[in-house]
Every structure is written in structure tokens, then in C-alpha cells.
Amino acid sequence: NFSPKEKQIEVFKQQLELAVKVQKPVFLHERDAFDTQYQILKDY
């Protein structure tokens, strides 16, 4: 948690939205955050 969880989630979603816009794949990092990351990815 070098960055607050809420800020991590916000920035993650911003980058997913960018990836959708430019239609380039996403290079993902996840550590001890599987449940939250999985739920976000399901939407995008």
C-alpha cells in the first residue's frame, strides 16, 4: 500500500479506460488484491 487503496483503484480504472479507448492490451500487476482486481476487470 505505497499508494492508498482508493487512489490505486481510481488510477487502475483510468488506465483500463485508456486501454479501451486505444484498443491496446493491458499489462497487469496484482498482489494481495485479487478479489478487488477481479471484480474491476469483469466490468472492463
ModelCIF file with pLDDT and N, C-alpha, C, O atoms, coordinates in Angstrom:
data_MODEL
#
_entry.id   MODEL 
#
_entity.id                         1 
_entity.type                       polymer 
_entity.pdbx_number_of_molecules   1 
#
_entity_poly.entity_id                      1 
_entity_poly.type                           'polypeptide(L)' 
_entity_poly.nstd_linkage                   no 
_entity_poly.nstd_monomer                   no 
_entity_poly.pdbx_seq_one_letter_code       NFSPKEKQIEVFKQQLELAVKVQKPVFLHERDAFDTQYQILKDY 
_entity_poly.pdbx_seq_one_letter_code_can   NFSPKEKQIEVFKQQLELAVKVQKPVFLHERDAFDTQYQILKDY 
_entity_poly.pdbx_strand_id                 A 
#
loop_
_entity_poly_seq.entity_id 
_entity_poly_seq.num 
_entity_poly_seq.mon_id 
_entity_poly_seq.hetero 
1 1  ASN n 
1 2  PHE n 
1 3  SER n 
1 4  PRO n 
1 5  LYS n 
1 6  GLU n 
1 7  LYS n 
1 8  GLN n 
1 9  ILE n 
1 10 GLU n 
1 11 VAL n 
1 12 PHE n 
1 13 LYS n 
1 14 GLN n 
1 15 GLN n 
1 16 LEU n 
1 17 GLU n 
1 18 LEU n 
1 19 ALA n 
1 20 VAL n 
1 21 LYS n 
1 22 VAL n 
1 23 GLN n 
1 24 LYS n 
1 25 PRO n 
1 26 VAL n 
1 27 PHE n 
1 28 LEU n 
1 29 HIS n 
1 30 GLU n 
1 31 ARG n 
1 32 ASP n 
1 33 ALA n 
1 34 PHE n 
1 35 ASP n 
1 36 THR n 
1 37 GLN n 
1 38 TYR n 
1 39 GLN n 
1 40 ILE n 
1 41 LEU n 
1 42 LYS n 
1 43 ASP n 
1 44 TYR n 
#
_struct_asym.id          A 
_struct_asym.entity_id   1 
#
loop_
_ma_qa_metric.id 
_ma_qa_metric.mode 
_ma_qa_metric.name 
_ma_qa_metric.software_group_id 
_ma_qa_metric.type 
1 global pLDDT . pLDDT 
2 local  pLDDT . pLDDT 
#
_ma_qa_metric_global.metric_id      1 
_ma_qa_metric_global.metric_value   97.41 
_ma_qa_metric_global.model_id       1 
_ma_qa_metric_global.ordinal_id     1 
#
loop_
_ma_qa_metric_local.label_asym_id 
_ma_qa_metric_local.label_comp_id 
_ma_qa_metric_local.label_seq_id 
_ma_qa_metric_local.metric_id 
_ma_qa_metric_local.metric_value 
_ma_qa_metric_local.model_id 
_ma_qa_metric_local.ordinal_id 
A ASN 1  2 91.00 1 1  
A PHE 2  2 95.00 1 2  
A SER 3  2 97.00 1 3  
A PRO 4  2 97.00 1 4  
A LYS 5  2 97.00 1 5  
A GLU 6  2 97.00 1 6  
A LYS 7  2 98.00 1 7  
A GLN 8  2 98.00 1 8  
A ILE 9  2 98.00 1 9  
A GLU 10 2 98.00 1 10 
A VAL 11 2 98.00 1 11 
A PHE 12 2 98.00 1 12 
A LYS 13 2 98.00 1 13 
A GLN 14 2 98.00 1 14 
A GLN 15 2 98.00 1 15 
A LEU 16 2 98.00 1 16 
A GLU 17 2 98.00 1 17 
A LEU 18 2 98.00 1 18 
A ALA 19 2 98.00 1 19 
A VAL 20 2 98.00 1 20 
A LYS 21 2 98.00 1 21 
A VAL 22 2 98.00 1 22 
A GLN 23 2 98.00 1 23 
A LYS 24 2 98.00 1 24 
A PRO 25 2 98.00 1 25 
A VAL 26 2 98.00 1 26 
A PHE 27 2 98.00 1 27 
A LEU 28 2 98.00 1 28 
A HIS 29 2 98.00 1 29 
A GLU 30 2 97.00 1 30 
A ARG 31 2 96.00 1 31 
A ASP 32 2 96.00 1 32 
A ALA 33 2 97.00 1 33 
A PHE 34 2 97.00 1 34 
A ASP 35 2 97.00 1 35 
A THR 36 2 98.00 1 36 
A GLN 37 2 98.00 1 37 
A TYR 38 2 98.00 1 38 
A GLN 39 2 98.00 1 39 
A ILE 40 2 98.00 1 40 
A LEU 41 2 98.00 1 41 
A LYS 42 2 97.00 1 42 
A ASP 43 2 96.00 1 43 
A TYR 44 2 97.00 1 44 
#
loop_
_atom_site.group_PDB 
_atom_site.id 
_atom_site.type_symbol 
_atom_site.label_atom_id 
_atom_site.label_alt_id 
_atom_site.label_comp_id 
_atom_site.label_asym_id 
_atom_site.label_entity_id 
_atom_site.label_seq_id 
_atom_site.pdbx_PDB_ins_code 
_atom_site.Cartn_x 
_atom_site.Cartn_y 
_atom_site.Cartn_z 
_atom_site.occupancy 
_atom_site.B_iso_or_equiv 
_atom_site.pdbx_formal_charge 
_atom_site.auth_seq_id 
_atom_site.auth_comp_id 
_atom_site.auth_asym_id 
_atom_site.auth_atom_id 
_atom_site.pdbx_PDB_model_num 
ATOM 1   N N  . ASN A 1 1  ? 0.820   -1.220  0.000   1.00 91.00 ? 1  ASN A N  1 
ATOM 2   C CA . ASN A 1 1  ? 0.000   0.000   0.000   1.00 91.00 ? 1  ASN A CA 1 
ATOM 3   C C  . ASN A 1 1  ? 0.852   1.267   0.000   1.00 91.00 ? 1  ASN A C  1 
ATOM 4   O O  . ASN A 1 1  ? 0.632   2.175   0.802   1.00 91.00 ? 1  ASN A O  1 
ATOM 5   N N  . PHE A 1 2  ? 1.831   1.318   -0.914  1.00 95.00 ? 2  PHE A N  1 
ATOM 6   C CA . PHE A 1 2  ? 2.618   2.542   -1.079  1.00 95.00 ? 2  PHE A CA 1 
ATOM 7   C C  . PHE A 1 2  ? 1.741   3.699   -1.543  1.00 95.00 ? 2  PHE A C  1 
ATOM 8   O O  . PHE A 1 2  ? 2.069   4.865   -1.322  1.00 95.00 ? 2  PHE A O  1 
ATOM 9   N N  . SER A 1 3  ? 0.624   3.370   -2.186  1.00 97.00 ? 3  SER A N  1 
ATOM 10  C CA . SER A 1 3  ? -0.410  4.349   -2.514  1.00 97.00 ? 3  SER A CA 1 
ATOM 11  C C  . SER A 1 3  ? -1.703  3.908   -1.844  1.00 97.00 ? 3  SER A C  1 
ATOM 12  O O  . SER A 1 3  ? -1.947  2.708   -1.715  1.00 97.00 ? 3  SER A O  1 
ATOM 13  N N  . PRO A 1 4  ? -2.541  4.857   -1.412  1.00 97.00 ? 4  PRO A N  1 
ATOM 14  C CA . PRO A 1 4  ? -3.812  4.489   -0.776  1.00 97.00 ? 4  PRO A CA 1 
ATOM 15  C C  . PRO A 1 4  ? -4.666  3.613   -1.701  1.00 97.00 ? 4  PRO A C  1 
ATOM 16  O O  . PRO A 1 4  ? -4.659  3.792   -2.919  1.00 97.00 ? 4  PRO A O  1 
ATOM 17  N N  . LYS A 1 5  ? -5.391  2.678   -1.115  1.00 97.00 ? 5  LYS A N  1 
ATOM 18  C CA . LYS A 1 5  ? -6.187  1.750   -1.917  1.00 97.00 ? 5  LYS A CA 1 
ATOM 19  C C  . LYS A 1 5  ? -7.147  2.479   -2.851  1.00 97.00 ? 5  LYS A C  1 
ATOM 20  O O  . LYS A 1 5  ? -7.283  2.108   -4.017  1.00 97.00 ? 5  LYS A O  1 
ATOM 21  N N  . GLU A 1 6  ? -7.811  3.517   -2.341  1.00 97.00 ? 6  GLU A N  1 
ATOM 22  C CA . GLU A 1 6  ? -8.780  4.242   -3.153  1.00 97.00 ? 6  GLU A CA 1 
ATOM 23  C C  . GLU A 1 6  ? -8.122  4.877   -4.368  1.00 97.00 ? 6  GLU A C  1 
ATOM 24  O O  . GLU A 1 6  ? -8.690  4.880   -5.460  1.00 97.00 ? 6  GLU A O  1 
ATOM 25  N N  . LYS A 1 7  ? -6.912  5.421   -4.172  1.00 98.00 ? 7  LYS A N  1 
ATOM 26  C CA . LYS A 1 7  ? -6.180  6.047   -5.284  1.00 98.00 ? 7  LYS A CA 1 
ATOM 27  C C  . LYS A 1 7  ? -5.720  4.983   -6.277  1.00 98.00 ? 7  LYS A C  1 
ATOM 28  O O  . LYS A 1 7  ? -5.768  5.204   -7.487  1.00 98.00 ? 7  LYS A O  1 
ATOM 29  N N  . GLN A 1 8  ? -5.279  3.840   -5.777  1.00 98.00 ? 8  GLN A N  1 
ATOM 30  C CA . GLN A 1 8  ? -4.888  2.741   -6.668  1.00 98.00 ? 8  GLN A CA 1 
ATOM 31  C C  . GLN A 1 8  ? -6.051  2.349   -7.579  1.00 98.00 ? 8  GLN A C  1 
ATOM 32  O O  . GLN A 1 8  ? -5.882  2.195   -8.788  1.00 98.00 ? 8  GLN A O  1 
ATOM 33  N N  . ILE A 1 9  ? -7.217  2.193   -6.989  1.00 98.00 ? 9  ILE A N  1 
ATOM 34  C CA . ILE A 1 9  ? -8.396  1.782   -7.752  1.00 98.00 ? 9  ILE A CA 1 
ATOM 35  C C  . ILE A 1 9  ? -8.752  2.837   -8.797  1.00 98.00 ? 9  ILE A C  1 
ATOM 36  O O  . ILE A 1 9  ? -9.066  2.505   -9.940  1.00 98.00 ? 9  ILE A O  1 
ATOM 37  N N  . GLU A 1 10 ? -8.701  4.101   -8.401  1.00 98.00 ? 10 GLU A N  1 
ATOM 38  C CA . GLU A 1 10 ? -9.012  5.191   -9.338  1.00 98.00 ? 10 GLU A CA 1 
ATOM 39  C C  . GLU A 1 10 ? -8.068  5.188   -10.529 1.00 98.00 ? 10 GLU A C  1 
ATOM 40  O O  . GLU A 1 10 ? -8.505  5.268   -11.677 1.00 98.00 ? 10 GLU A O  1 
ATOM 41  N N  . VAL A 1 11 ? -6.770  5.095   -10.255 1.00 98.00 ? 11 VAL A N  1 
ATOM 42  C CA . VAL A 1 11 ? -5.766  5.124   -11.329 1.00 98.00 ? 11 VAL A CA 1 
ATOM 43  C C  . VAL A 1 11 ? -5.850  3.868   -12.191 1.00 98.00 ? 11 VAL A C  1 
ATOM 44  O O  . VAL A 1 11 ? -5.655  3.937   -13.404 1.00 98.00 ? 11 VAL A O  1 
ATOM 45  N N  . PHE A 1 12 ? -6.135  2.738   -11.584 1.00 98.00 ? 12 PHE A N  1 
ATOM 46  C CA . PHE A 1 12 ? -6.304  1.498   -12.346 1.00 98.00 ? 12 PHE A CA 1 
ATOM 47  C C  . PHE A 1 12 ? -7.456  1.634   -13.339 1.00 98.00 ? 12 PHE A C  1 
ATOM 48  O O  . PHE A 1 12 ? -7.310  1.297   -14.514 1.00 98.00 ? 12 PHE A O  1 
ATOM 49  N N  . LYS A 1 13 ? -8.583  2.120   -12.873 1.00 98.00 ? 13 LYS A N  1 
ATOM 50  C CA . LYS A 1 13 ? -9.743  2.286   -13.755 1.00 98.00 ? 13 LYS A CA 1 
ATOM 51  C C  . LYS A 1 13 ? -9.453  3.290   -14.872 1.00 98.00 ? 13 LYS A C  1 
ATOM 52  O O  . LYS A 1 13 ? -9.892  3.100   -16.006 1.00 98.00 ? 13 LYS A O  1 
ATOM 53  N N  . GLN A 1 14 ? -8.722  4.344   -14.557 1.00 98.00 ? 14 GLN A N  1 
ATOM 54  C CA . GLN A 1 14 ? -8.373  5.334   -15.586 1.00 98.00 ? 14 GLN A CA 1 
ATOM 55  C C  . GLN A 1 14 ? -7.550  4.702   -16.701 1.00 98.00 ? 14 GLN A C  1 
ATOM 56  O O  . GLN A 1 14 ? -7.736  5.013   -17.877 1.00 98.00 ? 14 GLN A O  1 
ATOM 57  N N  . GLN A 1 15 ? -6.633  3.807   -16.316 1.00 98.00 ? 15 GLN A N  1 
ATOM 58  C CA . GLN A 1 15 ? -5.795  3.152   -17.321 1.00 98.00 ? 15 GLN A CA 1 
ATOM 59  C C  . GLN A 1 15 ? -6.571  2.100   -18.109 1.00 98.00 ? 15 GLN A C  1 
ATOM 60  O O  . GLN A 1 15 ? -6.314  1.904   -19.297 1.00 98.00 ? 15 GLN A O  1 
ATOM 61  N N  . LEU A 1 16 ? -7.499  1.434   -17.473 1.00 98.00 ? 16 LEU A N  1 
ATOM 62  C CA . LEU A 1 16 ? -8.352  0.489   -18.195 1.00 98.00 ? 16 LEU A CA 1 
ATOM 63  C C  . LEU A 1 16 ? -9.204  1.231   -19.221 1.00 98.00 ? 16 LEU A C  1 
ATOM 64  O O  . LEU A 1 16 ? -9.403  0.750   -20.336 1.00 98.00 ? 16 LEU A O  1 
ATOM 65  N N  . GLU A 1 17 ? -9.701  2.396   -18.842 1.00 98.00 ? 17 GLU A N  1 
ATOM 66  C CA . GLU A 1 17 ? -10.487 3.200   -19.777 1.00 98.00 ? 17 GLU A CA 1 
ATOM 67  C C  . GLU A 1 17 ? -9.633  3.663   -20.957 1.00 98.00 ? 17 GLU A C  1 
ATOM 68  O O  . GLU A 1 17 ? -10.103 3.715   -22.094 1.00 98.00 ? 17 GLU A O  1 
ATOM 69  N N  . LEU A 1 18 ? -8.373  3.998   -20.673 1.00 98.00 ? 18 LEU A N  1 
ATOM 70  C CA . LEU A 1 18 ? -7.455  4.380   -21.746 1.00 98.00 ? 18 LEU A CA 1 
ATOM 71  C C  . LEU A 1 18 ? -7.207  3.197   -22.682 1.00 98.00 ? 18 LEU A C  1 
ATOM 72  O O  . LEU A 1 18 ? -7.195  3.355   -23.902 1.00 98.00 ? 18 LEU A O  1 
ATOM 73  N N  . ALA A 1 19 ? -7.011  2.011   -22.101 1.00 98.00 ? 19 ALA A N  1 
ATOM 74  C CA . ALA A 1 19 ? -6.778  0.815   -22.917 1.00 98.00 ? 19 ALA A CA 1 
ATOM 75  C C  . ALA A 1 19 ? -7.967  0.518   -23.815 1.00 98.00 ? 19 ALA A C  1 
ATOM 76  O O  . ALA A 1 19 ? -7.796  0.095   -24.958 1.00 98.00 ? 19 ALA A O  1 
ATOM 77  N N  . VAL A 1 20 ? -9.168  0.738   -23.304 1.00 98.00 ? 20 VAL A N  1 
ATOM 78  C CA . VAL A 1 20 ? -10.370 0.555   -24.123 1.00 98.00 ? 20 VAL A CA 1 
ATOM 79  C C  . VAL A 1 20 ? -10.374 1.563   -25.264 1.00 98.00 ? 20 VAL A C  1 
ATOM 80  O O  . VAL A 1 20 ? -10.714 1.224   -26.398 1.00 98.00 ? 20 VAL A O  1 
ATOM 81  N N  . LYS A 1 21 ? -9.997  2.794   -24.964 1.00 98.00 ? 21 LYS A N  1 
ATOM 82  C CA . LYS A 1 21 ? -10.017 3.848   -25.976 1.00 98.00 ? 21 LYS A CA 1 
ATOM 83  C C  . LYS A 1 21 ? -9.031  3.581   -27.104 1.00 98.00 ? 21 LYS A C  1 
ATOM 84  O O  . LYS A 1 21 ? -9.381  3.723   -28.275 1.00 98.00 ? 21 LYS A O  1 
ATOM 85  N N  . VAL A 1 22 ? -7.808  3.197   -26.769 1.00 98.00 ? 22 VAL A N  1 
ATOM 86  C CA . VAL A 1 22 ? -6.780  2.999   -27.799 1.00 98.00 ? 22 VAL A CA 1 
ATOM 87  C C  . VAL A 1 22 ? -6.758  1.569   -28.315 1.00 98.00 ? 22 VAL A C  1 
ATOM 88  O O  . VAL A 1 22 ? -6.062  1.269   -29.285 1.00 98.00 ? 22 VAL A O  1 
ATOM 89  N N  . GLN A 1 23 ? -7.516  0.681   -27.672 1.00 98.00 ? 23 GLN A N  1 
ATOM 90  C CA . GLN A 1 23 ? -7.607  -0.730  -28.059 1.00 98.00 ? 23 GLN A CA 1 
ATOM 91  C C  . GLN A 1 23 ? -6.247  -1.422  -28.102 1.00 98.00 ? 23 GLN A C  1 
ATOM 92  O O  . GLN A 1 23 ? -5.898  -2.123  -29.052 1.00 98.00 ? 23 GLN A O  1 
ATOM 93  N N  . LYS A 1 24 ? -5.495  -1.187  -27.019 1.00 98.00 ? 24 LYS A N  1 
ATOM 94  C CA . LYS A 1 24 ? -4.259  -1.921  -26.805 1.00 98.00 ? 24 LYS A CA 1 
ATOM 95  C C  . LYS A 1 24 ? -4.413  -2.750  -25.536 1.00 98.00 ? 24 LYS A C  1 
ATOM 96  O O  . LYS A 1 24 ? -5.129  -2.346  -24.620 1.00 98.00 ? 24 LYS A O  1 
ATOM 97  N N  . PRO A 1 25 ? -3.750  -3.904  -25.470 1.00 98.00 ? 25 PRO A N  1 
ATOM 98  C CA . PRO A 1 25 ? -3.932  -4.787  -24.317 1.00 98.00 ? 25 PRO A CA 1 
ATOM 99  C C  . PRO A 1 25 ? -3.382  -4.181  -23.027 1.00 98.00 ? 25 PRO A C  1 
ATOM 100 O O  . PRO A 1 25 ? -2.682  -3.169  -23.041 1.00 98.00 ? 25 PRO A O  1 
ATOM 101 N N  . VAL A 1 26 ? -3.717  -4.829  -21.917 1.00 98.00 ? 26 VAL A N  1 
ATOM 102 C CA . VAL A 1 26 ? -3.331  -4.335  -20.601 1.00 98.00 ? 26 VAL A CA 1 
ATOM 103 C C  . VAL A 1 26 ? -2.315  -5.286  -19.970 1.00 98.00 ? 26 VAL A C  1 
ATOM 104 O O  . VAL A 1 26 ? -2.475  -6.506  -19.994 1.00 98.00 ? 26 VAL A O  1 
ATOM 105 N N  . PHE A 1 27 ? -1.260  -4.684  -19.403 1.00 98.00 ? 27 PHE A N  1 
ATOM 106 C CA . PHE A 1 27 ? -0.192  -5.415  -18.722 1.00 98.00 ? 27 PHE A CA 1 
ATOM 107 C C  . PHE A 1 27 ? -0.434  -5.239  -17.225 1.00 98.00 ? 27 PHE A C  1 
ATOM 108 O O  . PHE A 1 27 ? -0.213  -4.161  -16.674 1.00 98.00 ? 27 PHE A O  1 
ATOM 109 N N  . LEU A 1 28 ? -0.896  -6.318  -16.569 1.00 98.00 ? 28 LEU A N  1 
ATOM 110 C CA . LEU A 1 28 ? -1.466  -6.215  -15.231 1.00 98.00 ? 28 LEU A CA 1 
ATOM 111 C C  . LEU A 1 28 ? -0.513  -6.621  -14.103 1.00 98.00 ? 28 LEU A C  1 
ATOM 112 O O  . LEU A 1 28 ? 0.260   -7.572  -14.217 1.00 98.00 ? 28 LEU A O  1 
ATOM 113 N N  . HIS A 1 29 ? -0.603  -5.864  -13.020 1.00 98.00 ? 29 HIS A N  1 
ATOM 114 C CA . HIS A 1 29 ? 0.066   -6.206  -11.768 1.00 98.00 ? 29 HIS A CA 1 
ATOM 115 C C  . HIS A 1 29 ? -1.003  -6.438  -10.713 1.00 98.00 ? 29 HIS A C  1 
ATOM 116 O O  . HIS A 1 29 ? -1.993  -5.709  -10.649 1.00 98.00 ? 29 HIS A O  1 
ATOM 117 N N  . GLU A 1 30 ? -0.796  -7.464  -9.882  1.00 97.00 ? 30 GLU A N  1 
ATOM 118 C CA . GLU A 1 30 ? -1.734  -7.686  -8.766  1.00 97.00 ? 30 GLU A CA 1 
ATOM 119 C C  . GLU A 1 30 ? -1.020  -8.419  -7.660  1.00 97.00 ? 30 GLU A C  1 
ATOM 120 O O  . GLU A 1 30 ? -0.395  -9.456  -7.879  1.00 97.00 ? 30 GLU A O  1 
ATOM 121 N N  . ARG A 1 31 ? -1.123  -7.859  -6.452  1.00 96.00 ? 31 ARG A N  1 
ATOM 122 C CA . ARG A 1 31 ? -0.552  -8.530  -5.283  1.00 96.00 ? 31 ARG A CA 1 
ATOM 123 C C  . ARG A 1 31 ? -1.470  -8.295  -4.083  1.00 96.00 ? 31 ARG A C  1 
ATOM 124 O O  . ARG A 1 31 ? -1.743  -7.158  -3.696  1.00 96.00 ? 31 ARG A O  1 
ATOM 125 N N  . ASP A 1 32 ? -1.925  -9.382  -3.520  1.00 96.00 ? 32 ASP A N  1 
ATOM 126 C CA . ASP A 1 32 ? -2.813  -9.350  -2.352  1.00 96.00 ? 32 ASP A CA 1 
ATOM 127 C C  . ASP A 1 32 ? -4.043  -8.474  -2.595  1.00 96.00 ? 32 ASP A C  1 
ATOM 128 O O  . ASP A 1 32 ? -4.549  -7.833  -1.674  1.00 96.00 ? 32 ASP A O  1 
ATOM 129 N N  . ALA A 1 33 ? -4.512  -8.452  -3.828  1.00 97.00 ? 33 ALA A N  1 
ATOM 130 C CA . ALA A 1 33 ? -5.670  -7.617  -4.173  1.00 97.00 ? 33 ALA A CA 1 
ATOM 131 C C  . ALA A 1 33 ? -6.567  -8.335  -5.165  1.00 97.00 ? 33 ALA A C  1 
ATOM 132 O O  . ALA A 1 33 ? -7.277  -7.692  -5.938  1.00 97.00 ? 33 ALA A O  1 
ATOM 133 N N  . PHE A 1 34 ? -6.542  -9.662  -5.150  1.00 97.00 ? 34 PHE A N  1 
ATOM 134 C CA . PHE A 1 34 ? -7.228  -10.422 -6.187  1.00 97.00 ? 34 PHE A CA 1 
ATOM 135 C C  . PHE A 1 34 ? -8.715  -10.105 -6.278  1.00 97.00 ? 34 PHE A C  1 
ATOM 136 O O  . PHE A 1 34 ? -9.220  -9.814  -7.362  1.00 97.00 ? 34 PHE A O  1 
ATOM 137 N N  . ASP A 1 35 ? -9.419  -10.156 -5.156  1.00 97.00 ? 35 ASP A N  1 
ATOM 138 C CA . ASP A 1 35 ? -10.874 -10.002 -5.194  1.00 97.00 ? 35 ASP A CA 1 
ATOM 139 C C  . ASP A 1 35 ? -11.289 -8.671  -5.808  1.00 97.00 ? 35 ASP A C  1 
ATOM 140 O O  . ASP A 1 35 ? -12.188 -8.627  -6.648  1.00 97.00 ? 35 ASP A O  1 
ATOM 141 N N  . THR A 1 36 ? -10.643 -7.593  -5.393  1.00 98.00 ? 36 THR A N  1 
ATOM 142 C CA . THR A 1 36 ? -10.985 -6.269  -5.913  1.00 98.00 ? 36 THR A CA 1 
ATOM 143 C C  . THR A 1 36 ? -10.612 -6.155  -7.386  1.00 98.00 ? 36 THR A C  1 
ATOM 144 O O  . THR A 1 36 ? -11.395 -5.646  -8.188  1.00 98.00 ? 36 THR A O  1 
ATOM 145 N N  . GLN A 1 37 ? -9.415  -6.630  -7.746  1.00 98.00 ? 37 GLN A N  1 
ATOM 146 C CA . GLN A 1 37 ? -8.973  -6.524  -9.130  1.00 98.00 ? 37 GLN A CA 1 
ATOM 147 C C  . GLN A 1 37 ? -9.858  -7.362  -10.056 1.00 98.00 ? 37 GLN A C  1 
ATOM 148 O O  . GLN A 1 37 ? -10.204 -6.932  -11.157 1.00 98.00 ? 37 GLN A O  1 
ATOM 149 N N  . TYR A 1 38 ? -10.211 -8.541  -9.604  1.00 98.00 ? 38 TYR A N  1 
ATOM 150 C CA . TYR A 1 38 ? -11.066 -9.424  -10.405 1.00 98.00 ? 38 TYR A CA 1 
ATOM 151 C C  . TYR A 1 38 ? -12.402 -8.757  -10.702 1.00 98.00 ? 38 TYR A C  1 
ATOM 152 O O  . TYR A 1 38 ? -12.864 -8.784  -11.843 1.00 98.00 ? 38 TYR A O  1 
ATOM 153 N N  . GLN A 1 39 ? -13.017 -8.169  -9.707  1.00 98.00 ? 39 GLN A N  1 
ATOM 154 C CA . GLN A 1 39 ? -14.322 -7.533  -9.893  1.00 98.00 ? 39 GLN A CA 1 
ATOM 155 C C  . GLN A 1 39 ? -14.234 -6.350  -10.854 1.00 98.00 ? 39 GLN A C  1 
ATOM 156 O O  . GLN A 1 39 ? -15.138 -6.137  -11.662 1.00 98.00 ? 39 GLN A O  1 
ATOM 157 N N  . ILE A 1 40 ? -13.150 -5.583  -10.767 1.00 98.00 ? 40 ILE A N  1 
ATOM 158 C CA . ILE A 1 40 ? -12.970 -4.448  -11.684 1.00 98.00 ? 40 ILE A CA 1 
ATOM 159 C C  . ILE A 1 40 ? -12.773 -4.946  -13.111 1.00 98.00 ? 40 ILE A C  1 
ATOM 160 O O  . ILE A 1 40 ? -13.364 -4.416  -14.052 1.00 98.00 ? 40 ILE A O  1 
ATOM 161 N N  . LEU A 1 41 ? -11.943 -5.962  -13.258 1.00 98.00 ? 41 LEU A N  1 
ATOM 162 C CA . LEU A 1 41 ? -11.657 -6.487  -14.597 1.00 98.00 ? 41 LEU A CA 1 
ATOM 163 C C  . LEU A 1 41 ? -12.911 -7.056  -15.253 1.00 98.00 ? 41 LEU A C  1 
ATOM 164 O O  . LEU A 1 41 ? -13.085 -6.934  -16.466 1.00 98.00 ? 41 LEU A O  1 
ATOM 165 N N  . LYS A 1 42 ? -13.780 -7.673  -14.467 1.00 97.00 ? 42 LYS A N  1 
ATOM 166 C CA . LYS A 1 42 ? -15.010 -8.234  -15.023 1.00 97.00 ? 42 LYS A CA 1 
ATOM 167 C C  . LYS A 1 42 ? -15.819 -7.181  -15.776 1.00 97.00 ? 42 LYS A C  1 
ATOM 168 O O  . LYS A 1 42 ? -16.453 -7.476  -16.788 1.00 97.00 ? 42 LYS A O  1 
ATOM 169 N N  . ASP A 1 43 ? -15.787 -5.959  -15.274 1.00 96.00 ? 43 ASP A N  1 
ATOM 170 C CA . ASP A 1 43 ? -16.558 -4.883  -15.900 1.00 96.00 ? 43 ASP A CA 1 
ATOM 171 C C  . ASP A 1 43 ? -15.918 -4.387  -17.191 1.00 96.00 ? 43 ASP A C  1 
ATOM 172 O O  . ASP A 1 43 ? -16.614 -3.978  -18.120 1.00 96.00 ? 43 ASP A O  1 
ATOM 173 N N  . TYR A 1 44 ? -14.582 -4.425  -17.243 1.00 97.00 ? 44 TYR A N  1 
ATOM 174 C CA . TYR A 1 44 ? -13.877 -3.822  -18.381 1.00 97.00 ? 44 TYR A CA 1 
ATOM 175 C C  . TYR A 1 44 ? -13.487 -4.807  -19.485 1.00 97.00 ? 44 TYR A C  1 
ATOM 176 O O  . TYR A 1 44 ? -12.892 -4.408  -20.486 1.00 97.00 ? 44 TYR A O  1 
#
